[in-house]
Amino acid sequence: MLAQADDESVSPPIFSNQVQISISSEEVVLDFYRAGPARGQIEKSPHMAFVQRIIMPPSAAAMFADVFAGLIKTAKSDTSNSPDTSL
């Protein structure tokens, strides 16, 4: 089914380095933020910018969490078995 999904994206991918998760019996809300200096204000205190919200039912969130955890586990095992190429 996913292989046949149309790409309806109208904007480029977003970057987020912070997430806030809210859970109720009806929905799971993921709010994504970018923390860092304001544009042109590198020397000042960092600020948070809201970038995206995802709302899903708990059943979909649970499935997403299981898939995501499996992907992270696989990625970690792949990187731990490869030679260190960092400088």
N, C-alpha and C. Protein backbone atom coordinates (compact mmCIF):
# COMPACT_ATOMS: atom_id res chain seq x y z
N MET A 1 0.83 -1.19 0.00
CA MET A 1 0.00 0.00 0.00
C MET A 1 0.87 1.25 0.00
N LEU A 2 1.90 1.31 0.86
CA LEU A 2 2.74 2.50 0.91
C LEU A 2 3.55 2.69 -0.36
N ALA A 3 3.92 1.59 -1.01
CA ALA A 3 4.69 1.70 -2.24
C ALA A 3 3.88 2.38 -3.34
N GLN A 4 2.55 2.34 -3.21
CA GLN A 4 1.69 2.93 -4.22
C GLN A 4 1.22 4.33 -3.83
N ALA A 5 1.64 4.84 -2.70
CA ALA A 5 1.18 6.14 -2.22
C ALA A 5 1.72 7.26 -3.11
N ASP A 6 0.87 8.23 -3.38
CA ASP A 6 1.29 9.40 -4.15
C ASP A 6 2.06 10.35 -3.25
N ASP A 7 3.07 11.00 -3.82
CA ASP A 7 3.81 12.02 -3.08
C ASP A 7 3.08 13.34 -3.24
N GLU A 8 2.44 13.80 -2.18
CA GLU A 8 1.69 15.05 -2.23
C GLU A 8 2.39 16.16 -1.47
N SER A 9 3.68 15.97 -1.22
CA SER A 9 4.41 16.99 -0.46
C SER A 9 4.53 18.26 -1.29
N VAL A 10 4.38 19.38 -0.60
CA VAL A 10 4.48 20.67 -1.27
C VAL A 10 5.60 21.51 -0.68
N SER A 11 6.28 20.98 0.34
CA SER A 11 7.36 21.73 0.96
C SER A 11 8.55 20.81 1.17
N PRO A 12 9.73 21.39 1.31
CA PRO A 12 10.92 20.58 1.53
C PRO A 12 10.89 19.94 2.93
N PRO A 13 11.72 18.93 3.15
CA PRO A 13 11.80 18.33 4.48
C PRO A 13 12.16 19.37 5.54
N ILE A 14 11.74 19.12 6.77
CA ILE A 14 12.03 20.04 7.85
C ILE A 14 13.08 19.44 8.78
N PHE A 15 13.79 20.30 9.49
CA PHE A 15 14.77 19.86 10.48
C PHE A 15 14.23 20.19 11.86
N SER A 16 14.36 19.23 12.77
CA SER A 16 13.93 19.43 14.15
C SER A 16 14.96 18.76 15.06
N ASN A 17 15.29 19.43 16.16
CA ASN A 17 16.19 18.82 17.13
C ASN A 17 15.56 18.72 18.52
N GLN A 18 14.26 19.02 18.61
CA GLN A 18 13.51 18.90 19.87
C GLN A 18 12.11 18.40 19.53
N VAL A 19 11.53 17.60 20.42
CA VAL A 19 10.16 17.15 20.23
C VAL A 19 9.45 17.12 21.59
N GLN A 20 8.20 17.53 21.59
CA GLN A 20 7.37 17.44 22.78
C GLN A 20 6.21 16.51 22.43
N ILE A 21 5.98 15.49 23.27
CA ILE A 21 4.95 14.51 23.01
C ILE A 21 3.86 14.62 24.07
N SER A 22 2.62 14.76 23.63
CA SER A 22 1.46 14.81 24.52
C SER A 22 0.57 13.62 24.20
N ILE A 23 0.12 12.91 25.24
CA ILE A 23 -0.68 11.71 25.04
C ILE A 23 -1.97 11.81 25.83
N SER A 24 -3.08 11.49 25.18
CA SER A 24 -4.37 11.36 25.87
C SER A 24 -4.99 10.05 25.39
N SER A 25 -6.15 9.72 25.90
CA SER A 25 -6.80 8.48 25.47
C SER A 25 -7.29 8.57 24.03
N GLU A 26 -7.42 9.77 23.51
CA GLU A 26 -7.95 9.99 22.16
C GLU A 26 -6.89 10.23 21.09
N GLU A 27 -5.75 10.80 21.49
CA GLU A 27 -4.75 11.15 20.48
C GLU A 27 -3.35 11.27 21.07
N VAL A 28 -2.39 11.15 20.18
CA VAL A 28 -0.98 11.40 20.50
C VAL A 28 -0.55 12.57 19.63
N VAL A 29 0.03 13.59 20.27
CA VAL A 29 0.45 14.80 19.55
C VAL A 29 1.96 14.93 19.66
N LEU A 30 2.62 15.04 18.52
CA LEU A 30 4.06 15.27 18.48
C LEU A 30 4.29 16.67 17.94
N ASP A 31 4.84 17.55 18.75
CA ASP A 31 5.20 18.90 18.33
C ASP A 31 6.71 18.97 18.15
N PHE A 32 7.14 19.30 16.96
CA PHE A 32 8.56 19.38 16.64
C PHE A 32 9.03 20.82 16.66
N TYR A 33 10.21 21.04 17.25
CA TYR A 33 10.80 22.37 17.39
C TYR A 33 12.25 22.34 16.91
N ARG A 34 12.75 23.50 16.58
CA ARG A 34 14.17 23.68 16.27
C ARG A 34 14.72 24.65 17.31
N ALA A 35 15.72 24.19 18.05
CA ALA A 35 16.36 25.03 19.07
C ALA A 35 17.70 25.50 18.53
N GLY A 36 17.96 26.78 18.67
CA GLY A 36 19.23 27.32 18.21
C GLY A 36 19.17 28.82 18.19
N PRO A 37 20.23 29.44 17.76
CA PRO A 37 20.23 30.91 17.72
C PRO A 37 19.25 31.42 16.68
N ALA A 38 18.69 32.56 16.97
CA ALA A 38 17.81 33.21 16.00
C ALA A 38 18.63 33.60 14.78
N ARG A 39 17.97 33.67 13.66
CA ARG A 39 18.67 34.03 12.42
C ARG A 39 19.40 35.36 12.60
N GLY A 40 20.70 35.35 12.38
CA GLY A 40 21.51 36.55 12.51
C GLY A 40 21.87 36.91 13.94
N GLN A 41 21.52 36.09 14.91
CA GLN A 41 21.76 36.38 16.33
C GLN A 41 22.61 35.28 16.98
N ILE A 42 23.70 34.92 16.39
CA ILE A 42 24.51 33.79 16.83
C ILE A 42 25.04 33.99 18.26
N GLU A 43 25.33 35.18 18.67
CA GLU A 43 25.92 35.42 19.98
C GLU A 43 24.90 35.47 21.11
N LYS A 44 23.61 35.51 20.79
CA LYS A 44 22.56 35.63 21.81
C LYS A 44 22.04 34.27 22.24
N SER A 45 21.20 34.26 23.27
CA SER A 45 20.62 33.03 23.78
C SER A 45 19.80 32.33 22.69
N PRO A 46 19.84 30.99 22.70
CA PRO A 46 19.06 30.26 21.70
C PRO A 46 17.56 30.43 21.92
N HIS A 47 16.80 30.23 20.89
CA HIS A 47 15.35 30.29 21.00
C HIS A 47 14.75 29.04 20.35
N MET A 48 13.48 28.79 20.61
CA MET A 48 12.77 27.65 20.05
C MET A 48 11.85 28.14 18.94
N ALA A 49 11.85 27.43 17.84
CA ALA A 49 10.94 27.74 16.74
C ALA A 49 10.09 26.50 16.46
N PHE A 50 8.78 26.64 16.49
CA PHE A 50 7.87 25.55 16.16
C PHE A 50 7.99 25.25 14.68
N VAL A 51 8.10 23.94 14.32
CA VAL A 51 8.22 23.62 12.90
C VAL A 51 7.15 22.69 12.36
N GLN A 52 6.57 21.82 13.21
CA GLN A 52 5.58 20.88 12.68
C GLN A 52 4.82 20.20 13.81
N ARG A 53 3.57 19.82 13.55
CA ARG A 53 2.77 19.05 14.50
C ARG A 53 2.20 17.84 13.78
N ILE A 54 2.27 16.67 14.44
CA ILE A 54 1.66 15.44 13.94
C ILE A 54 0.69 14.96 15.00
N ILE A 55 -0.55 14.67 14.59
CA ILE A 55 -1.57 14.16 15.50
C ILE A 55 -2.02 12.81 14.96
N MET A 56 -2.04 11.79 15.83
CA MET A 56 -2.47 10.47 15.40
C MET A 56 -3.19 9.75 16.53
N PRO A 57 -4.00 8.75 16.20
CA PRO A 57 -4.65 7.97 17.25
C PRO A 57 -3.62 7.11 17.97
N PRO A 58 -3.88 6.75 19.22
CA PRO A 58 -2.92 5.94 19.98
C PRO A 58 -2.53 4.64 19.29
N SER A 59 -3.44 3.99 18.60
CA SER A 59 -3.11 2.73 17.92
C SER A 59 -2.06 2.95 16.83
N ALA A 60 -2.20 4.02 16.06
CA ALA A 60 -1.21 4.33 15.02
C ALA A 60 0.11 4.75 15.65
N ALA A 61 0.06 5.50 16.74
CA ALA A 61 1.28 5.92 17.42
C ALA A 61 2.04 4.72 17.97
N ALA A 62 1.32 3.73 18.51
CA ALA A 62 1.98 2.53 19.04
C ALA A 62 2.67 1.75 17.92
N MET A 63 2.02 1.63 16.77
CA MET A 63 2.63 0.95 15.63
C MET A 63 3.85 1.72 15.15
N PHE A 64 3.73 3.04 15.07
CA PHE A 64 4.84 3.90 14.66
C PHE A 64 6.02 3.72 15.61
N ALA A 65 5.74 3.70 16.93
CA ALA A 65 6.81 3.55 17.92
C ALA A 65 7.54 2.21 17.76
N ASP A 66 6.79 1.14 17.52
CA ASP A 66 7.42 -0.18 17.32
C ASP A 66 8.31 -0.20 16.09
N VAL A 67 7.81 0.34 14.99
CA VAL A 67 8.59 0.37 13.74
C VAL A 67 9.82 1.25 13.91
N PHE A 68 9.64 2.41 14.51
CA PHE A 68 10.75 3.35 14.71
C PHE A 68 11.83 2.74 15.60
N ALA A 69 11.42 2.08 16.70
CA ALA A 69 12.39 1.44 17.60
C ALA A 69 13.17 0.35 16.87
N GLY A 70 12.50 -0.41 16.02
CA GLY A 70 13.19 -1.44 15.24
C GLY A 70 14.19 -0.85 14.27
N LEU A 71 13.83 0.26 13.63
CA LEU A 71 14.75 0.92 12.70
C LEU A 71 15.98 1.46 13.42
N ILE A 72 15.77 2.05 14.60
CA ILE A 72 16.89 2.58 15.37
C ILE A 72 17.81 1.44 15.82
N LYS A 73 17.23 0.34 16.26
CA LYS A 73 18.02 -0.82 16.70
C LYS A 73 18.85 -1.35 15.54
N THR A 74 18.25 -1.45 14.37
CA THR A 74 18.97 -1.93 13.19
C THR A 74 20.10 -0.97 12.81
N ALA A 75 19.82 0.33 12.85
CA ALA A 75 20.84 1.32 12.50
C ALA A 75 22.00 1.28 13.47
N LYS A 76 21.70 1.12 14.76
CA LYS A 76 22.77 1.04 15.76
C LYS A 76 23.62 -0.19 15.55
N SER A 77 23.02 -1.34 15.25
CA SER A 77 23.81 -2.55 15.05
C SER A 77 24.63 -2.46 13.76
N ASP A 78 24.09 -1.78 12.74
CA ASP A 78 24.84 -1.60 11.49
C ASP A 78 26.07 -0.72 11.72
N THR A 79 25.93 0.35 12.50
CA THR A 79 27.06 1.25 12.72
C THR A 79 28.06 0.66 13.69
N SER A 80 27.62 -0.19 14.61
CA SER A 80 28.58 -0.77 15.57
C SER A 80 29.43 -1.85 14.92
N ASN A 81 28.98 -2.41 13.78
CA ASN A 81 29.74 -3.44 13.08
C ASN A 81 30.62 -2.89 11.98
N SER A 82 30.52 -1.60 11.70
CA SER A 82 31.32 -1.02 10.64
C SER A 82 32.54 -0.33 11.24
N PRO A 83 33.62 -0.22 10.45
CA PRO A 83 34.83 0.44 10.98
C PRO A 83 34.59 1.90 11.26
N ASP A 84 35.30 2.44 12.23
CA ASP A 84 35.18 3.85 12.60
C ASP A 84 35.93 4.68 11.58
N THR A 85 35.16 5.56 10.89
CA THR A 85 35.79 6.42 9.87
C THR A 85 35.85 7.86 10.30
N SER A 86 35.54 8.13 11.59
CA SER A 86 35.57 9.52 12.05
C SER A 86 37.01 9.98 12.22
N LEU A 87 37.18 11.28 12.12
CA LEU A 87 38.52 11.85 12.28
C LEU A 87 38.79 12.25 13.69
